[in-house]
Amino acid sequence: IEHDVAERDQWERVVARTLDHFGELNVVVNNAGMVLPGNVETCSWEDYRLHQRIHMDGTYLGLKYGIETIKLNGKPGSIVNMASTT
Protein backbone atom coordinates (compact mmCIF):
# COMPACT_ATOMS: atom_id res chain seq x y z
CA ILE A 1 0.00 0.00 0.00
CA GLU A 2 1.65 3.20 -1.15
CA HIS A 3 1.97 5.88 1.51
CA ASP A 4 4.15 8.69 2.83
CA VAL A 5 6.08 6.97 5.62
CA ALA A 6 6.59 10.25 7.49
CA GLU A 7 2.84 10.84 7.96
CA ARG A 8 1.05 9.33 10.97
CA ASP A 9 -2.40 9.40 9.39
CA GLN A 10 -1.11 7.41 6.42
CA TRP A 11 0.40 4.76 8.72
CA GLU A 12 -2.98 4.54 10.46
CA ARG A 13 -4.69 4.07 7.07
CA VAL A 14 -2.22 1.36 6.00
CA VAL A 15 -2.60 -0.54 9.27
CA ALA A 16 -6.41 -0.32 9.10
CA ARG A 17 -6.46 -1.57 5.49
CA THR A 18 -4.06 -4.38 6.35
CA LEU A 19 -6.21 -5.50 9.28
CA ASP A 20 -9.37 -5.27 7.16
CA HIS A 21 -7.83 -7.41 4.43
CA PHE A 22 -5.70 -9.92 6.37
CA GLY A 23 -7.15 -9.76 9.89
CA GLU A 24 -3.73 -9.28 11.49
CA LEU A 25 -0.30 -7.79 10.97
CA ASN A 26 2.74 -10.03 11.43
CA VAL A 27 5.59 -8.23 9.66
CA VAL A 28 6.60 -4.65 8.95
CA VAL A 29 9.53 -3.79 6.67
CA ASN A 30 10.81 -0.22 6.94
CA ASN A 31 12.47 0.18 3.55
CA ALA A 32 11.98 3.79 2.49
CA GLY A 33 14.88 6.11 1.86
CA MET A 34 16.40 8.78 -0.29
CA VAL A 35 19.83 10.13 -1.10
CA LEU A 36 20.58 13.53 0.36
CA PRO A 37 21.36 15.76 -2.61
CA GLY A 38 24.77 17.41 -2.52
CA ASN A 39 26.54 17.94 0.77
CA VAL A 40 26.00 20.12 3.82
CA GLU A 41 27.16 23.19 1.89
CA THR A 42 24.95 22.68 -1.16
CA CYS A 43 21.91 20.83 0.22
CA SER A 44 18.90 23.01 0.95
CA TRP A 45 17.28 23.03 4.37
CA GLU A 46 14.06 21.70 2.78
CA ASP A 47 15.87 18.71 1.23
CA TYR A 48 17.61 18.01 4.53
CA ARG A 49 14.28 18.08 6.44
CA LEU A 50 12.67 15.77 3.87
CA HIS A 51 15.60 13.37 4.27
CA GLN A 52 15.18 13.41 8.07
CA ARG A 53 11.41 12.95 7.85
CA ILE A 54 11.72 9.89 5.65
CA HIS A 55 14.65 8.25 7.43
CA MET A 56 13.97 9.14 11.06
CA ASP A 57 10.25 9.88 11.33
CA GLY A 58 9.30 7.14 8.89
CA THR A 59 11.31 4.50 10.75
CA TYR A 60 9.92 5.65 14.11
CA LEU A 61 6.33 5.53 12.85
CA GLY A 62 6.83 2.10 11.25
CA LEU A 63 8.14 0.80 14.56
CA LYS A 64 5.42 2.49 16.61
CA TYR A 65 2.46 1.31 14.55
CA GLY A 66 4.07 -2.04 13.79
CA ILE A 67 4.72 -2.91 17.43
CA GLU A 68 1.28 -1.74 18.56
CA THR A 69 -0.50 -3.71 15.85
CA ILE A 70 1.59 -6.89 15.97
CA LYS A 71 1.04 -7.09 19.75
CA LEU A 72 -2.72 -7.30 19.12
CA ASN A 73 -2.14 -10.77 17.64
CA GLY A 74 -0.85 -12.18 20.93
CA LYS A 75 1.93 -13.96 19.06
CA PRO A 76 5.41 -13.05 17.81
CA GLY A 77 5.97 -10.88 14.78
CA SER A 78 8.89 -9.23 13.02
CA ILE A 79 9.97 -5.73 12.13
CA VAL A 80 12.83 -5.30 9.67
CA ASN A 81 14.59 -1.95 9.35
CA MET A 82 16.57 -1.63 6.14
CA ALA A 83 19.54 0.65 5.64
CA SER A 84 21.87 1.45 2.77
CA THR A 85 25.30 2.92 2.34
CA THR A 86 23.82 5.09 -0.40
C-alpha atoms as a PDB file:
ATOM      1  CA  ILE A   1       0.000   0.000   0.000  1.00  0.00           C
ATOM      2  CA  GLU A   2       1.654   3.197  -1.151  1.00  0.00           C
ATOM      3  CA  HIS A   3       1.967   5.879   1.506  1.00  0.00           C
ATOM      4  CA  ASP A   4       4.150   8.687   2.835  1.00  0.00           C
ATOM      5  CA  VAL A   5       6.082   6.966   5.625  1.00  0.00           C
ATOM      6  CA  ALA A   6       6.592  10.250   7.487  1.00  0.00           C
ATOM      7  CA  GLU A   7       2.839  10.844   7.957  1.00  0.00           C
ATOM      8  CA  ARG A   8       1.052   9.329  10.971  1.00  0.00           C
ATOM      9  CA  ASP A   9      -2.397   9.397   9.388  1.00  0.00           C
ATOM     10  CA  GLN A  10      -1.113   7.408   6.418  1.00  0.00           C
ATOM     11  CA  TRP A  11       0.395   4.757   8.719  1.00  0.00           C
ATOM     12  CA  GLU A  12      -2.985   4.541  10.459  1.00  0.00           C
ATOM     13  CA  ARG A  13      -4.693   4.066   7.073  1.00  0.00           C
ATOM     14  CA  VAL A  14      -2.215   1.361   6.002  1.00  0.00           C
ATOM     15  CA  VAL A  15      -2.598  -0.539   9.269  1.00  0.00           C
ATOM     16  CA  ALA A  16      -6.406  -0.324   9.101  1.00  0.00           C
ATOM     17  CA  ARG A  17      -6.462  -1.568   5.487  1.00  0.00           C
ATOM     18  CA  THR A  18      -4.063  -4.383   6.349  1.00  0.00           C
ATOM     19  CA  LEU A  19      -6.211  -5.504   9.281  1.00  0.00           C
ATOM     20  CA  ASP A  20      -9.371  -5.269   7.155  1.00  0.00           C
ATOM     21  CA  HIS A  21      -7.833  -7.414   4.427  1.00  0.00           C
ATOM     22  CA  PHE A  22      -5.697  -9.916   6.374  1.00  0.00           C
ATOM     23  CA  GLY A  23      -7.150  -9.760   9.889  1.00  0.00           C
ATOM     24  CA  GLU A  24      -3.733  -9.281  11.488  1.00  0.00           C
ATOM     25  CA  LEU A  25      -0.300  -7.795  10.974  1.00  0.00           C
ATOM     26  CA  ASN A  26       2.738 -10.028  11.434  1.00  0.00           C
ATOM     27  CA  VAL A  27       5.588  -8.231   9.655  1.00  0.00           C
ATOM     28  CA  VAL A  28       6.599  -4.647   8.952  1.00  0.00           C
ATOM     29  CA  VAL A  29       9.528  -3.787   6.672  1.00  0.00           C
ATOM     30  CA  ASN A  30      10.807  -0.224   6.944  1.00  0.00           C
ATOM     31  CA  ASN A  31      12.466   0.181   3.554  1.00  0.00           C
ATOM     32  CA  ALA A  32      11.979   3.793   2.489  1.00  0.00           C
ATOM     33  CA  GLY A  33      14.877   6.110   1.856  1.00  0.00           C
ATOM     34  CA  MET A  34      16.404   8.777  -0.293  1.00  0.00           C
ATOM     35  CA  VAL A  35      19.831  10.130  -1.099  1.00  0.00           C
ATOM     36  CA  LEU A  36      20.584  13.531   0.365  1.00  0.00           C
ATOM     37  CA  PRO A  37      21.357  15.764  -2.614  1.00  0.00           C
ATOM     38  CA  GLY A  38      24.766  17.414  -2.522  1.00  0.00           C
ATOM     39  CA  ASN A  39      26.540  17.943   0.772  1.00  0.00           C
ATOM     40  CA  VAL A  40      26.000  20.121   3.816  1.00  0.00           C
ATOM     41  CA  GLU A  41      27.163  23.192   1.888  1.00  0.00           C
ATOM     42  CA  THR A  42      24.954  22.683  -1.157  1.00  0.00           C
ATOM     43  CA  CYS A  43      21.913  20.833   0.216  1.00  0.00           C
ATOM     44  CA  SER A  44      18.905  23.015   0.952  1.00  0.00           C
ATOM     45  CA  TRP A  45      17.283  23.027   4.370  1.00  0.00           C
ATOM     46  CA  GLU A  46      14.063  21.697   2.777  1.00  0.00           C
ATOM     47  CA  ASP A  47      15.868  18.711   1.230  1.00  0.00           C
ATOM     48  CA  TYR A  48      17.606  18.008   4.534  1.00  0.00           C
ATOM     49  CA  ARG A  49      14.284  18.081   6.444  1.00  0.00           C
ATOM     50  CA  LEU A  50      12.674  15.771   3.868  1.00  0.00           C
ATOM     51  CA  HIS A  51      15.604  13.371   4.274  1.00  0.00           C
ATOM     52  CA  GLN A  52      15.181  13.411   8.065  1.00  0.00           C
ATOM     53  CA  ARG A  53      11.406  12.954   7.849  1.00  0.00           C
ATOM     54  CA  ILE A  54      11.725   9.892   5.647  1.00  0.00           C
ATOM     55  CA  HIS A  55      14.650   8.248   7.431  1.00  0.00           C
ATOM     56  CA  MET A  56      13.972   9.140  11.057  1.00  0.00           C
ATOM     57  CA  ASP A  57      10.255   9.877  11.333  1.00  0.00           C
ATOM     58  CA  GLY A  58       9.298   7.136   8.888  1.00  0.00           C
ATOM     59  CA  THR A  59      11.307   4.504  10.755  1.00  0.00           C
ATOM     60  CA  TYR A  60       9.918   5.646  14.112  1.00  0.00           C
ATOM     61  CA  LEU A  61       6.328   5.526  12.847  1.00  0.00           C
ATOM     62  CA  GLY A  62       6.829   2.103  11.252  1.00  0.00           C
ATOM     63  CA  LEU A  63       8.143   0.798  14.563  1.00  0.00           C
ATOM     64  CA  LYS A  64       5.416   2.485  16.613  1.00  0.00           C
ATOM     65  CA  TYR A  65       2.460   1.311  14.545  1.00  0.00           C
ATOM     66  CA  GLY A  66       4.071  -2.037  13.791  1.00  0.00           C
ATOM     67  CA  ILE A  67       4.717  -2.907  17.433  1.00  0.00           C
ATOM     68  CA  GLU A  68       1.277  -1.738  18.558  1.00  0.00           C
ATOM     69  CA  THR A  69      -0.502  -3.714  15.845  1.00  0.00           C
ATOM     70  CA  ILE A  70       1.594  -6.885  15.974  1.00  0.00           C
ATOM     71  CA  LYS A  71       1.040  -7.090  19.751  1.00  0.00           C
ATOM     72  CA  LEU A  72      -2.724  -7.295  19.116  1.00  0.00           C
ATOM     73  CA  ASN A  73      -2.140 -10.771  17.642  1.00  0.00           C
ATOM     74  CA  GLY A  74      -0.852 -12.176  20.930  1.00  0.00           C
ATOM     75  CA  LYS A  75       1.928 -13.956  19.063  1.00  0.00           C
ATOM     76  CA  PRO A  76       5.412 -13.053  17.810  1.00  0.00           C
ATOM     77  CA  GLY A  77       5.971 -10.881  14.777  1.00  0.00           C
ATOM     78  CA  SER A  78       8.890  -9.225  13.022  1.00  0.00           C
ATOM     79  CA  ILE A  79       9.974  -5.730  12.132  1.00  0.00           C
ATOM     80  CA  VAL A  80      12.830  -5.297   9.665  1.00  0.00           C
ATOM     81  CA  ASN A  81      14.586  -1.949   9.351  1.00  0.00           C
ATOM     82  CA  MET A  82      16.574  -1.634   6.139  1.00  0.00           C
ATOM     83  CA  ALA A  83      19.542   0.648   5.638  1.00  0.00           C
ATOM     84  CA  SER A  84      21.865   1.447   2.773  1.00  0.00           C
ATOM     85  CA  THR A  85      25.304   2.923   2.338  1.00  0.00           C
ATOM     86  CA  THR A  86      23.816   5.094  -0.400  1.00  0.00           C
END
